[in-house]
Every structure is written in C-alpha cells, then in structure tokens.
Amino acid sequence: MVSTNPYLDEIRVNLPRLLALFDADRTSVSYGMGDRYHWAWGLIDFPNGTFQGATHGIARLWRAGLWPYPTAPERLLQRIDALITATSRICRKDGSLEEAFPFEGSYCVTALVAFDLLCTVDLLQPEISPELRSRWLAAIEPLIDYLIVADETHALISNHLATAVAALSRWHACTAAADAERKALHLLQRILEHQSPEGWFREYEGADPGYQSLCTYYLADVHRLRPDWLLMEPLARSVRFLQFFAHPDGSFGGLYGSRATRFYYPAGVMALAEEIPEAASLARCMEQSIAARHTVTLSAMDEPNLVPMFNAYAWAAALYRPAASDVAIAAPASRSPDPLRRYFAGAGLLIDRGPRHYTIISVHKGGVVYHFADQQLSVLDAGVVVRQRTGRLGSSQAYNRGNHVRVAEDGLWVTATVTAMPKQLPGPFQFLVLRLLGLGVFRVRVLRKWTKQWLVRLLITRQERWRSSNERRIRFGHDLQITDQLRLGPGDGRMDQPGPFVPIHMASQGYWQWQDELCS
C-alpha cells in the first residue's frame, strides 16, 4: 500500500526544474516567459506557449495546501501574474500561440494555455481582487476568440479537441459567452462521433491509450463542470478500455498504440473514481506503479510535455487520499488470473490473459506483441524491419486497418505489407523554408492549414508500400511463440534484431522507463 502521496513526491523532485524555466528578471522584456530556448539561450526565434500553462499546477498545489515552499501569497500571485502577462506578449494578433514554428497558429497549444489559465483564475479567485481577475480574463480572451473562429483540420486528434472543449466550457462558465458554448458543443460532438463503441477515442488513425488518458483528463474536467452534457457513459467506456493497458509490470501503453505512447495522465481517471468502479481500480493500480516508478512518470518528461503532465500530477496530488485498508477495490483487467480473450476489432488490439501471462497484440500494426509472463515483460516484438539497397528502412509496423487477420483458438495470423518508415531529421534548408513561410504564407490561415496537412502526411500517415510483406503467426499462452514468414521484394534485405522501434515521427513516444533496461 502507498503510504505517501506519490504524485506529490514526483512534484517535489521536479518543481525546481519547472520553476527554473521562467524568466524572473523584472527588467527583462521576456519577464514571465517559460521557454528557455527562446528567452535564455536565444536558440529559437519564437517561444513555445505551452510553458505558460504552468500557472494551473502551481495554483492547484497552492489551493490544496500542498505547495512545498515558504512562499508568501503576494510572491506567488506575482509569479502567476508574470506568466499570464507574458502570455499576452507572445500571443499573435489572431489570438494564437505556437509550439513548433513561428505563426503556426497551434489550436492545441492555444487551447491548452487557455484552459490552464482559466483553471488558475478559478482556483485563485478567493485570493485575487476583481481588478486582477478582470485583467487575467482579458489576457485569456484573445485565445478563446481564436478557438471559436479557428479549427484543427489536419487530423482527428481527440485529445486536442478535448482540450479546446475544456477551455471553451470554462470560458462560458466565467462569462456566459454563448458562442464559446456553441463551439465547445460542436467540438465535443466531433469527438463523440469518432469514439468507438469499444471505448477508445481516435488519435490520428486509431486508439492510443497514452493520449487517451490525456483526453479523459480534459473530458473529466468538462464532465465536472457540465454534467448536463451527459459525458458519464462515454467516459465510462473510455476507462473500461484503458484498464486493459495497465500492464502487469506497472507500465502503461506502448508501441501497439496508434501514436506509440506509454505515458499515463492520472488526474482524469482519479476524478472519475467515485462514479466509475473501473476508474477507481485503474487509479489505484497506477498510483502504486507511479510510487514504485514502474511507469513513465513526471520525472521522465522532456520540457515540451513537462507542463501538461505537471498540471495533471498537481490535480492528482490534490485528489489523492490514502486507501483505507478495509476497502476492497477490484483489480484492473491485467491483474486478474482468470483466463480472458478480448478482441477489440476496431482498435485492432487483442488481449489474451491466463493465470501466468498477459499478452497484447496489435494486428493493425502488423502483429506488435507485448507479452508478460509471471508479471514481467517477457517479449516485446515490434515487427520486422527491411532495408533497401539504398539504405532506406521499411517495416511491418505501419498502421493499417487492411492487414489480413485470422484469429483461432490457439493463436492468430496477420499479414502486413512492408511500408517505408518516414523518419528523418530536419536540416538547415528545412528550417530556412519554415522561416520564409512564416514571414508570409503562414499568416494566411488556409495556407497554414494546408502546410500542416502536408507535414502530417509526410511524417505520420503517408504509407509508401513496398513489394515485401510479412506473415506473422503468434501462438498464445504462457510460452508464447512468434514465427515470421518474410517475403522480400527485389533488392530488399531483413535487418536483424531491430529491437523496439517506432516507424513514424512521433515526438511524445519513447520516454524512458526502467523496463527499457530489460529490452534488447
């Protein structure tokens, strides 16, 4: 049993790192900005707006009495005011913020910061004057205006849309602005229309448990604010799906997801624990995992993802209550010894559970296998990698709903075409092109949208299929067996022992966890 607050333990370790991101020099033109690569190092010519949302986690800890330092109230408000004021300075004329390049018009980051600042206003309202509250809301209003008139069309990314729904619904709660409520409902309808009956929310091409935990975080906040929007059943389906991907060794998610992420945002599941039994079960399981650092935690986050995870940990720390020894909570799906075979056909994910094993297989990704024997990761097979004479790499792991699949009682067969892996690093020429586009083309929203769609296709969704293919046979059970029959096209050769790999560009994959030391 966890005896201390595991979320607060992680926060205490990482709070100095987070606070050090912000310019605290009141004489500086960048006072209150959080992107050190911009204001301190001067290595990039625009600030990533995501950092400004740290006000939320700070305010959450303060209101819950969990702030670990002897900070005077006026000093804390001064810090938060600096961050919110700096947000106004980095906001573009159309109300948008950026993450990746100048004049990006990032719908997600604009929504994320708007949501976090609105949470800050709500949490600190008892301690701030009406004048300060009005000034903070005035800083947030351009972000909300952008969310109302703009949209995200380069892909269906449910957690991004959920962020905007949460921001717009909180703005409506503050101001009664009808246009914000209408846009929130419009985006929410789009999310729910694409939620599978199996429970998963769409992330690009399919289900991704890691990002679904973040989507659930934002929608749980919306549910608490607007119970009349009837989100309980969609959220219950989400949690019931997520519970299958809390692994026996404490890790969560993985290469079988559409975005290959393996982090876990705890607060949304915890916020639903009193209403959804499976949420209580998953929250308890992952609480123990975080305490033992058996999963990706806040400490593993790089700076672009540090603030959203910090805010989720702060809410989780505020929600945390030690478990009563006499309260029995059922174990999540991966922890039961009872035999189970569950095939999420829409997600392309098959679960096989026995008394001493737990197996997850993605047929949409060519038969990616996570196999746990006696509570430990025994097999992680990401698929086959093929190398052309030119050195280009392709793999069987590309997301493809059209893979041929046959499931039998003792195993399955999946046939996947080898597809090029669009993995590349940017060079000076690409950065020059981005900056030139930023000077003119990206200021036109339609052209900016087209460019984003092109980048997503280039780096994530494009499938250049080769003449090679692989038929994978997987035999279920504690002593799981994998047999590949690779048919190579002219000039293609197999790469031996590629180890765990991701076939696409995905910035949020690959955060370290201790189980990596066991994988070769």
Protein backbone atom coordinates (compact mmCIF):
# COMPACT_ATOMS: atom_id res chain seq x y z
CA MET A 1 0.00 0.00 0.00
CA VAL A 2 1.19 3.51 -0.84
CA SER A 3 1.67 5.44 2.41
CA THR A 4 2.63 8.83 0.95
CA ASN A 5 1.23 10.90 -1.87
CA PRO A 6 3.13 9.56 -4.92
CA TYR A 7 2.11 12.45 -7.13
CA LEU A 8 3.39 14.98 -4.63
CA ASP A 9 6.66 13.06 -4.34
CA GLU A 10 7.21 13.41 -8.10
CA ILE A 11 6.22 17.09 -7.98
CA ARG A 12 8.72 17.86 -5.22
CA VAL A 13 11.51 16.35 -7.30
CA ASN A 14 10.58 18.24 -10.47
CA LEU A 15 9.27 21.58 -9.21
CA PRO A 16 12.73 23.23 -9.11
CA ARG A 17 13.25 22.20 -12.73
CA LEU A 18 9.90 23.67 -13.72
CA LEU A 19 10.27 26.96 -11.83
CA ALA A 20 13.74 27.44 -13.31
CA LEU A 21 12.21 27.60 -16.78
CA PHE A 22 10.69 31.04 -16.24
CA ASP A 23 12.39 34.38 -16.60
CA ALA A 24 12.16 36.00 -13.14
CA ASP A 25 14.02 39.20 -14.08
CA ARG A 26 11.50 42.04 -13.87
CA THR A 27 13.71 44.27 -16.02
CA SER A 28 13.70 41.75 -18.87
CA VAL A 29 11.47 42.01 -21.93
CA SER A 30 10.86 38.28 -21.51
CA TYR A 31 9.81 38.51 -17.85
CA GLY A 32 7.42 35.63 -17.14
CA MET A 33 8.20 33.63 -20.29
CA GLY A 34 8.92 29.93 -19.85
CA ASP A 35 10.71 28.76 -22.99
CA ARG A 36 14.39 28.98 -22.07
CA TYR A 37 15.47 28.05 -25.59
CA HIS A 38 13.91 31.37 -26.64
CA TRP A 39 14.46 33.83 -23.79
CA ALA A 40 17.64 32.45 -22.17
CA TRP A 41 19.61 30.63 -24.86
CA GLY A 42 18.30 32.59 -27.83
CA LEU A 43 18.42 29.44 -29.98
CA ILE A 44 14.91 29.78 -31.44
CA ASP A 45 13.12 32.85 -32.71
CA PHE A 46 9.72 32.17 -31.14
CA PRO A 47 8.53 30.94 -27.73
CA ASN A 48 6.64 27.69 -27.20
CA GLY A 49 3.46 28.87 -25.46
CA THR A 50 2.88 25.57 -23.61
CA PHE A 51 5.06 26.63 -20.68
CA GLN A 52 2.73 29.48 -19.71
CA GLY A 53 0.12 26.94 -18.58
CA ALA A 54 2.20 26.03 -15.52
CA THR A 55 0.13 28.55 -13.57
CA HIS A 56 -2.56 25.85 -13.31
CA GLY A 57 -0.43 23.31 -11.46
CA ILE A 58 1.06 25.99 -9.22
CA ALA A 59 -2.40 27.29 -8.31
CA ARG A 60 -3.71 23.76 -7.78
CA LEU A 61 -0.95 22.96 -5.29
CA TRP A 62 -1.41 26.29 -3.52
CA ARG A 63 -5.16 25.88 -3.04
CA ALA A 64 -4.78 22.30 -1.82
CA GLY A 65 -2.18 23.30 0.77
CA LEU A 66 0.49 21.23 -0.99
CA TRP A 67 2.88 23.99 -2.05
CA PRO A 68 6.22 22.81 -0.62
CA TYR A 69 7.98 26.16 -0.17
CA PRO A 70 7.51 29.03 2.34
CA THR A 71 6.35 31.39 -0.41
CA ALA A 72 4.41 34.48 0.63
CA PRO A 73 0.96 34.76 -1.00
CA GLU A 74 1.87 38.04 -2.70
CA ARG A 75 5.03 36.44 -4.13
CA LEU A 76 3.06 33.54 -5.56
CA LEU A 77 0.46 35.85 -7.14
CA GLN A 78 3.26 37.99 -8.55
CA ARG A 79 4.79 34.93 -10.23
CA ILE A 80 1.47 33.84 -11.72
CA ASP A 81 0.67 37.38 -12.87
CA ALA A 82 4.04 37.49 -14.66
CA LEU A 83 3.26 34.26 -16.54
CA ILE A 84 -0.21 35.40 -17.57
CA THR A 85 1.04 38.84 -18.64
CA ALA A 86 3.80 37.19 -20.68
CA THR A 87 1.15 35.09 -22.41
CA SER A 88 -0.37 38.29 -23.77
CA ARG A 89 3.02 39.37 -25.12
CA ILE A 90 3.64 36.14 -27.03
CA CYS A 91 0.10 35.89 -28.37
CA ARG A 92 -0.22 36.62 -32.11
CA LYS A 93 -2.68 39.18 -33.46
CA ASP A 94 -5.19 36.43 -34.26
CA GLY A 95 -5.05 35.17 -30.65
CA SER A 96 -3.00 32.06 -31.34
CA LEU A 97 0.10 30.61 -29.70
CA GLU A 98 2.86 28.46 -31.12
CA GLU A 99 4.69 25.25 -30.33
CA ALA A 100 6.71 24.19 -33.37
CA PHE A 101 7.36 27.20 -35.63
CA PRO A 102 6.51 30.91 -35.97
CA PHE A 103 2.93 31.77 -36.97
CA GLU A 104 1.98 28.12 -36.50
CA GLY A 105 -1.44 29.01 -35.13
CA SER A 106 -1.43 25.92 -32.89
CA TYR A 107 -5.02 25.12 -32.00
CA CYS A 108 -3.92 22.61 -29.37
CA VAL A 109 -1.42 24.83 -27.55
CA THR A 110 -3.75 27.83 -27.66
CA ALA A 111 -6.48 25.68 -26.12
CA LEU A 112 -4.12 24.14 -23.57
CA VAL A 113 -2.91 27.50 -22.26
CA ALA A 114 -6.42 28.99 -22.27
CA PHE A 115 -7.69 26.05 -20.23
CA ASP A 116 -4.82 26.18 -17.75
CA LEU A 117 -5.11 29.94 -17.24
CA LEU A 118 -8.86 29.66 -16.72
CA CYS A 119 -8.30 26.93 -14.12
CA THR A 120 -5.83 29.30 -12.44
CA VAL A 121 -8.42 32.09 -12.30
CA ASP A 122 -11.00 29.73 -10.81
CA LEU A 123 -8.63 28.24 -8.22
CA LEU A 124 -7.26 31.59 -7.04
CA GLN A 125 -10.48 33.59 -7.22
CA PRO A 126 -10.83 33.74 -3.40
CA GLU A 127 -7.37 35.36 -3.17
CA ILE A 128 -7.36 37.86 -6.03
CA SER A 129 -9.02 41.21 -6.44
CA PRO A 130 -11.80 41.78 -9.01
CA GLU A 131 -9.39 44.04 -10.92
CA LEU A 132 -6.72 41.35 -11.16
CA ARG A 133 -9.29 38.77 -12.19
CA SER A 134 -10.55 41.06 -14.95
CA ARG A 135 -7.01 41.65 -16.18
CA TRP A 136 -6.29 37.93 -16.29
CA LEU A 137 -9.51 37.23 -18.17
CA ALA A 138 -8.61 39.98 -20.63
CA ALA A 139 -5.34 38.17 -21.31
CA ILE A 140 -7.20 34.90 -21.94
CA GLU A 141 -9.94 36.37 -24.16
CA PRO A 142 -7.88 36.53 -27.40
CA LEU A 143 -7.02 32.84 -27.03
CA ILE A 144 -10.70 31.98 -26.67
CA ASP A 145 -11.61 34.15 -29.66
CA TYR A 146 -9.12 32.17 -31.73
CA LEU A 147 -10.58 28.85 -30.56
CA ILE A 148 -14.05 30.00 -31.57
CA VAL A 149 -13.19 31.08 -35.13
CA ALA A 150 -10.40 28.61 -35.94
CA ASP A 151 -10.34 24.81 -36.01
CA GLU A 152 -7.95 21.85 -36.22
CA THR A 153 -8.39 20.06 -39.54
CA HIS A 154 -5.03 18.45 -40.34
CA ALA A 155 -6.01 15.27 -38.45
CA LEU A 156 -8.57 13.92 -35.97
CA ILE A 157 -6.72 14.17 -32.66
CA SER A 158 -9.25 13.71 -29.88
CA ASN A 159 -7.10 14.94 -27.01
CA HIS A 160 -6.51 18.25 -28.84
CA LEU A 161 -10.23 18.77 -29.41
CA ALA A 162 -10.98 17.81 -25.80
CA THR A 163 -8.53 20.48 -24.65
CA ALA A 164 -10.48 23.08 -26.61
CA VAL A 165 -13.82 21.80 -25.27
CA ALA A 166 -12.50 22.14 -21.72
CA ALA A 167 -11.20 25.68 -22.35
CA LEU A 168 -14.36 26.89 -24.08
CA SER A 169 -16.69 25.39 -21.47
CA ARG A 170 -14.70 27.07 -18.68
CA TRP A 171 -14.83 30.39 -20.54
CA HIS A 172 -18.60 30.04 -20.84
CA ALA A 173 -18.79 29.35 -17.09
CA CYS A 174 -16.84 32.57 -16.44
CA THR A 175 -18.52 34.86 -18.95
CA ALA A 176 -21.75 33.18 -20.16
CA ALA A 177 -20.49 33.68 -23.74
CA ALA A 178 -22.93 31.74 -25.92
CA ASP A 179 -20.52 31.44 -28.87
CA ALA A 180 -17.98 29.67 -26.67
CA GLU A 181 -20.60 27.18 -25.52
CA ARG A 182 -21.73 26.52 -29.09
CA LYS A 183 -18.18 25.86 -30.28
CA ALA A 184 -17.49 23.60 -27.29
CA LEU A 185 -20.58 21.51 -28.08
CA HIS A 186 -19.62 21.37 -31.76
CA LEU A 187 -16.15 20.04 -30.96
CA LEU A 188 -17.49 17.65 -28.33
CA GLN A 189 -19.90 16.19 -30.86
CA ARG A 190 -16.99 15.57 -33.24
CA ILE A 191 -15.05 13.74 -30.51
CA LEU A 192 -18.01 11.57 -29.54
CA GLU A 193 -18.93 10.79 -33.16
CA HIS A 194 -15.46 9.28 -33.55
CA GLN A 195 -15.43 7.43 -30.23
CA SER A 196 -15.53 3.73 -30.92
CA PRO A 197 -18.21 1.58 -29.25
CA GLU A 198 -15.15 -0.22 -27.84
CA GLY A 199 -14.42 2.89 -25.78
CA TRP A 200 -11.39 4.43 -27.47
CA PHE A 201 -11.10 7.99 -28.76
CA ARG A 202 -9.44 8.43 -32.12
CA GLU A 203 -5.84 9.67 -32.20
CA TYR A 204 -4.82 10.15 -35.83
CA GLU A 205 -5.61 6.69 -37.24
CA GLY A 206 -6.73 4.69 -34.23
CA ALA A 207 -6.53 4.03 -30.49
CA ASP A 208 -3.64 5.22 -28.35
CA PRO A 209 -4.01 4.52 -24.60
CA GLY A 210 -1.38 7.08 -23.56
CA TYR A 211 -3.06 10.02 -25.25
CA GLN A 212 -6.48 8.67 -24.34
CA SER A 213 -5.57 9.13 -20.67
CA LEU A 214 -4.95 12.81 -21.52
CA CYS A 215 -8.20 13.09 -23.47
CA THR A 216 -10.01 11.57 -20.49
CA TYR A 217 -8.33 14.17 -18.23
CA TYR A 218 -9.86 17.08 -20.16
CA LEU A 219 -13.26 15.45 -20.62
CA ALA A 220 -13.41 14.60 -16.91
CA ASP A 221 -12.99 18.31 -16.18
CA VAL A 222 -15.78 19.11 -18.64
CA HIS A 223 -17.99 16.49 -17.00
CA ARG A 224 -17.50 18.02 -13.55
CA LEU A 225 -18.37 21.45 -14.93
CA ARG A 226 -21.22 20.40 -17.23
CA PRO A 227 -22.92 17.18 -16.03
CA ASP A 228 -25.84 18.14 -18.27
CA TRP A 229 -23.68 17.29 -21.30
CA LEU A 230 -24.07 13.60 -20.39
CA LEU A 231 -20.43 12.57 -20.63
CA MET A 232 -20.64 9.87 -17.98
CA GLU A 233 -21.23 6.96 -20.35
CA PRO A 234 -18.56 8.00 -22.92
CA LEU A 235 -16.08 8.45 -20.06
CA ALA A 236 -17.02 5.10 -18.52
CA ARG A 237 -16.39 3.41 -21.88
CA SER A 238 -13.05 5.19 -22.11
CA VAL A 239 -11.91 3.97 -18.68
CA ARG A 240 -13.12 0.43 -19.31
CA PHE A 241 -10.95 0.38 -22.43
CA LEU A 242 -7.93 1.97 -20.73
CA GLN A 243 -7.85 -0.59 -17.91
CA PHE A 244 -6.64 -3.28 -20.33
CA PHE A 245 -3.42 -1.36 -20.99
CA ALA A 246 -2.14 -1.02 -17.45
CA HIS A 247 0.43 -3.80 -17.69
CA PRO A 248 1.24 -6.41 -15.02
CA ASP A 249 4.73 -4.91 -14.53
CA GLY A 250 3.31 -1.44 -13.81
CA SER A 251 3.93 0.13 -17.22
CA PHE A 252 1.18 1.59 -19.38
CA GLY A 253 0.59 1.78 -23.12
CA GLY A 254 3.19 1.15 -25.77
CA LEU A 255 4.09 0.59 -29.39
CA TYR A 256 0.74 -1.05 -30.09
CA GLY A 257 -0.98 2.37 -29.82
CA SER A 258 -1.59 4.50 -32.90
CA ARG A 259 0.89 7.06 -31.54
CA ALA A 260 3.13 4.58 -29.70
CA THR A 261 2.95 6.48 -26.40
CA ARG A 262 3.34 4.92 -22.97
CA PHE A 263 2.72 7.74 -20.53
CA TYR A 264 -0.26 7.99 -18.22
CA TYR A 265 -2.04 11.19 -17.16
CA PRO A 266 -3.56 10.28 -13.78
CA ALA A 267 -5.92 13.09 -12.82
CA GLY A 268 -8.86 12.41 -15.16
CA VAL A 269 -9.15 8.78 -14.10
CA MET A 270 -8.86 9.79 -10.43
CA ALA A 271 -11.56 12.45 -10.85
CA LEU A 272 -13.93 9.73 -12.08
CA ALA A 273 -13.10 7.17 -9.40
CA GLU A 274 -16.16 7.81 -7.25
CA GLU A 275 -18.53 7.39 -10.19
CA ILE A 276 -16.89 4.63 -12.24
CA PRO A 277 -15.66 1.46 -10.45
CA GLU A 278 -13.12 0.72 -13.20
CA ALA A 279 -11.67 4.21 -12.72
CA ALA A 280 -11.12 3.52 -9.01
CA SER A 281 -9.42 0.25 -9.92
CA LEU A 282 -7.18 1.79 -12.59
CA ALA A 283 -6.32 4.79 -10.41
CA ARG A 284 -5.24 2.55 -7.50
CA CYS A 285 -3.19 0.33 -9.79
CA MET A 286 -1.34 3.22 -11.46
CA GLU A 287 -0.90 5.01 -8.13
CA GLN A 288 1.15 2.05 -6.94
CA SER A 289 3.05 1.98 -10.22
CA ILE A 290 3.93 5.67 -10.02
CA ALA A 291 5.03 5.29 -6.40
CA ALA A 292 7.35 2.44 -7.43
CA ARG A 293 8.36 4.31 -10.63
CA HIS A 294 7.40 1.31 -12.72
CA THR A 295 5.88 3.53 -15.41
CA VAL A 296 6.81 6.72 -17.22
CA THR A 297 6.46 9.47 -14.61
CA LEU A 298 6.75 13.25 -14.43
CA SER A 299 10.50 12.86 -13.97
CA ALA A 300 10.83 11.35 -17.46
CA MET A 301 9.08 14.21 -19.26
CA ASP A 302 11.06 16.49 -21.55
CA GLU A 303 10.35 20.22 -21.42
CA PRO A 304 7.66 20.44 -24.15
CA ASN A 305 5.49 17.90 -22.28
CA LEU A 306 6.56 18.76 -18.75
CA VAL A 307 3.88 21.38 -18.04
CA PRO A 308 0.78 19.37 -19.08
CA MET A 309 1.99 16.39 -17.07
CA PHE A 310 2.89 18.62 -14.11
CA ASN A 311 -0.62 20.05 -14.12
CA ALA A 312 -2.13 16.55 -14.23
CA TYR A 313 0.09 15.44 -11.33
CA ALA A 314 -0.87 18.54 -9.35
CA TRP A 315 -4.59 17.77 -9.74
CA ALA A 316 -3.90 14.13 -8.89
CA ALA A 317 -1.96 15.18 -5.78
CA ALA A 318 -4.91 17.32 -4.69
CA LEU A 319 -7.35 14.44 -5.27
CA TYR A 320 -5.20 11.81 -3.59
CA ARG A 321 -6.50 10.11 -0.45
CA PRO A 322 -4.68 7.17 1.22
CA ALA A 323 -6.51 3.94 0.62
CA ALA A 324 -8.45 2.58 3.58
CA SER A 325 -7.20 -0.90 4.45
CA ASP A 326 -10.74 -2.28 4.79
CA VAL A 327 -11.96 -1.05 1.37
CA ALA A 328 -11.70 -3.67 -1.36
CA ILE A 329 -11.24 -2.42 -4.93
CA ALA A 330 -11.25 -4.86 -7.82
CA ALA A 331 -8.02 -5.24 -9.76
CA PRO A 332 -7.87 -3.95 -13.35
CA ALA A 333 -8.09 -6.38 -16.25
CA SER A 334 -4.36 -7.08 -16.47
CA ARG A 335 -4.08 -8.13 -12.82
CA SER A 336 -6.74 -10.86 -12.78
CA PRO A 337 -5.61 -14.50 -13.05
CA ASP A 338 -8.83 -15.60 -14.74
CA PRO A 339 -8.49 -16.60 -18.41
CA LEU A 340 -9.74 -13.98 -20.86
CA ARG A 341 -9.68 -13.44 -24.60
CA ARG A 342 -10.81 -9.95 -25.67
CA TYR A 343 -10.55 -8.73 -29.24
CA PHE A 344 -11.09 -5.02 -29.85
CA ALA A 345 -11.57 -5.43 -33.59
CA GLY A 346 -11.99 -1.73 -34.29
CA ALA A 347 -8.77 -0.88 -32.46
CA GLY A 348 -7.03 -3.94 -33.86
CA LEU A 349 -5.95 -4.96 -30.34
CA LEU A 350 -6.24 -8.47 -28.95
CA ILE A 351 -5.85 -9.29 -25.26
CA ASP A 352 -5.02 -12.83 -24.16
CA ARG A 353 -4.87 -13.43 -20.41
CA GLY A 354 -4.08 -16.58 -18.50
CA PRO A 355 -3.15 -17.47 -14.90
CA ARG A 356 0.52 -16.63 -15.54
CA HIS A 357 0.56 -14.44 -18.64
CA TYR A 358 -0.88 -11.31 -20.21
CA THR A 359 -0.48 -10.58 -23.92
CA ILE A 360 -1.38 -7.54 -26.04
CA ILE A 361 -1.19 -7.82 -29.84
CA SER A 362 -1.84 -5.09 -32.41
CA VAL A 363 -2.98 -6.56 -35.70
CA HIS A 364 -3.37 -3.11 -37.27
CA LYS A 365 0.39 -2.67 -36.67
CA GLY A 366 1.48 -5.97 -38.20
CA GLY A 367 1.43 -8.04 -35.02
CA VAL A 368 3.28 -5.89 -32.49
CA VAL A 369 3.46 -8.05 -29.34
CA TYR A 370 3.75 -7.20 -25.66
CA HIS A 371 3.87 -10.42 -23.65
CA PHE A 372 4.08 -10.53 -19.87
CA ALA A 373 4.90 -13.83 -18.16
CA ASP A 374 4.76 -14.12 -14.37
CA GLN A 375 4.14 -10.36 -14.07
CA GLN A 376 7.26 -9.37 -16.04
CA LEU A 377 7.77 -8.27 -19.63
CA SER A 378 8.96 -11.38 -21.43
CA VAL A 379 8.56 -10.45 -25.11
CA LEU A 380 8.40 -7.08 -26.83
CA ASP A 381 8.41 -7.66 -30.57
CA ALA A 382 7.77 -4.55 -32.66
CA GLY A 383 7.78 -6.33 -36.01
CA VAL A 384 10.23 -6.82 -38.86
CA VAL A 385 12.43 -4.15 -40.43
CA VAL A 386 13.54 -4.31 -44.06
CA ARG A 387 16.44 -2.41 -45.60
CA GLN A 388 16.63 -1.48 -49.27
CA ARG A 389 19.89 -1.33 -51.20
CA THR A 390 19.81 2.46 -50.84
CA GLY A 391 19.73 2.14 -47.06
CA ARG A 392 16.09 3.16 -46.67
CA LEU A 393 14.18 1.31 -43.98
CA GLY A 394 10.67 -0.07 -44.02
CA SER A 395 8.72 -2.14 -41.53
CA SER A 396 5.63 -4.24 -40.94
CA GLN A 397 4.51 -1.87 -38.15
CA ALA A 398 2.76 0.82 -40.19
CA TYR A 399 -0.81 1.33 -39.00
CA ASN A 400 -3.07 -0.44 -41.49
CA ARG A 401 -6.67 -1.47 -40.86
CA GLY A 402 -6.46 -3.52 -44.06
CA ASN A 403 -3.99 -6.09 -42.71
CA HIS A 404 -5.24 -9.63 -43.30
CA VAL A 405 -6.02 -11.22 -39.93
CA ARG A 406 -7.19 -14.67 -38.90
CA VAL A 407 -7.84 -15.44 -35.22
CA ALA A 408 -8.04 -19.03 -33.98
CA GLU A 409 -8.41 -20.59 -30.54
CA ASP A 410 -4.67 -21.11 -30.09
CA GLY A 411 -3.28 -18.10 -31.93
CA LEU A 412 -3.56 -15.68 -34.81
CA TRP A 413 -2.09 -14.89 -38.22
CA VAL A 414 -1.58 -11.36 -39.53
CA THR A 415 -0.17 -10.39 -42.91
CA ALA A 416 1.26 -6.91 -43.33
CA THR A 417 2.85 -5.14 -46.28
CA VAL A 418 6.24 -3.62 -45.52
CA THR A 419 5.91 0.17 -45.59
CA ALA A 420 8.58 2.86 -45.72
CA MET A 421 9.40 4.49 -42.39
CA PRO A 422 9.25 8.29 -42.90
CA LYS A 423 11.82 9.08 -40.22
CA GLN A 424 14.16 11.98 -40.85
CA LEU A 425 15.85 14.84 -39.04
CA PRO A 426 15.36 18.44 -40.12
CA GLY A 427 18.30 20.25 -41.63
CA PRO A 428 19.20 23.91 -42.22
CA PHE A 429 17.30 24.00 -45.52
CA GLN A 430 14.04 22.81 -43.94
CA PHE A 431 14.35 25.41 -41.19
CA LEU A 432 15.07 28.11 -43.75
CA VAL A 433 11.93 27.16 -45.68
CA LEU A 434 9.84 27.22 -42.48
CA ARG A 435 11.12 30.67 -41.56
CA LEU A 436 10.48 32.04 -45.06
CA LEU A 437 6.97 30.62 -45.00
CA GLY A 438 6.47 32.18 -41.57
CA LEU A 439 7.27 35.61 -42.97
CA GLY A 440 4.33 35.45 -45.33
CA VAL A 441 2.46 32.26 -46.17
CA PHE A 442 1.74 31.12 -42.60
CA ARG A 443 0.00 34.40 -41.85
CA VAL A 444 -2.80 33.15 -44.15
CA ARG A 445 -4.80 30.57 -42.19
CA VAL A 446 -5.86 28.49 -45.22
CA LEU A 447 -2.27 28.10 -46.44
CA ARG A 448 -1.09 27.31 -42.92
CA LYS A 449 -3.69 24.54 -42.63
CA TRP A 450 -2.61 23.04 -45.96
CA THR A 451 1.02 23.03 -44.82
CA LYS A 452 0.12 21.21 -41.58
CA GLN A 453 -1.86 18.62 -43.51
CA TRP A 454 1.14 18.06 -45.77
CA LEU A 455 3.50 17.68 -42.80
CA VAL A 456 1.21 15.16 -41.08
CA ARG A 457 1.03 13.12 -44.26
CA LEU A 458 4.80 13.32 -44.77
CA LEU A 459 5.79 12.35 -41.21
CA ILE A 460 2.92 10.28 -39.86
CA THR A 461 0.15 8.99 -42.13
CA ARG A 462 1.78 8.54 -45.55
CA GLN A 463 2.16 4.88 -46.49
CA GLU A 464 4.65 4.07 -49.23
CA ARG A 465 4.15 0.34 -49.58
CA TRP A 466 6.98 -1.85 -50.79
CA ARG A 467 6.91 -5.21 -52.52
CA SER A 468 7.99 -7.01 -49.35
CA SER A 469 5.42 -8.42 -46.92
CA ASN A 470 5.42 -10.40 -43.69
CA GLU A 471 3.08 -13.08 -42.39
CA ARG A 472 3.32 -13.35 -38.62
CA ARG A 473 2.00 -16.35 -36.71
CA ILE A 474 1.54 -15.88 -32.96
CA ARG A 475 0.73 -18.84 -30.73
CA PHE A 476 -0.98 -17.80 -27.49
CA GLY A 477 -0.07 -18.92 -23.99
CA HIS A 478 2.50 -18.50 -21.24
CA ASP A 479 5.22 -19.78 -23.60
CA LEU A 480 4.18 -17.50 -26.45
CA GLN A 481 5.71 -18.24 -29.84
CA ILE A 482 6.19 -15.88 -32.80
CA THR A 483 7.01 -17.08 -36.31
CA ASP A 484 7.62 -14.69 -39.21
CA GLN A 485 7.46 -15.61 -42.88
CA LEU A 486 9.03 -12.64 -44.64
CA ARG A 487 8.65 -12.35 -48.40
CA LEU A 488 11.31 -9.95 -49.64
CA GLY A 489 10.99 -7.82 -52.73
CA PRO A 490 13.88 -7.33 -55.20
CA GLY A 491 16.84 -5.69 -53.51
CA ASP A 492 15.32 -5.83 -50.02
CA GLY A 493 17.05 -7.43 -47.02
CA ARG A 494 15.98 -8.07 -43.44
CA MET A 495 17.51 -6.07 -40.60
CA ASP A 496 18.48 -8.39 -37.77
CA GLN A 497 17.29 -7.66 -34.22
CA PRO A 498 15.92 -4.14 -34.67
CA GLY A 499 14.67 -4.07 -31.07
CA PRO A 500 11.75 -1.82 -30.05
CA PHE A 501 11.17 0.83 -32.73
CA VAL A 502 8.61 3.35 -33.95
CA PRO A 503 8.04 3.64 -37.71
CA ILE A 504 6.83 7.25 -37.81
CA HIS A 505 7.78 10.65 -36.43
CA MET A 506 6.08 10.99 -33.03
CA ALA A 507 7.60 13.44 -30.58
CA SER A 508 5.85 12.04 -27.49
CA GLN A 509 7.00 8.45 -27.80
CA GLY A 510 9.98 6.79 -26.18
CA TYR A 511 10.10 8.36 -22.71
CA TRP A 512 12.38 6.21 -20.58
CA GLN A 513 11.13 3.68 -18.06
CA TRP A 514 13.11 1.10 -16.12
CA GLN A 515 11.79 -1.80 -18.20
CA ASP A 516 13.84 -0.44 -21.11
CA GLU A 517 16.92 -1.86 -19.43
CA LEU A 518 15.44 -5.33 -19.89
CA CYS A 519 14.73 -4.96 -23.63
CA SER A 520 17.34 -5.61 -26.28
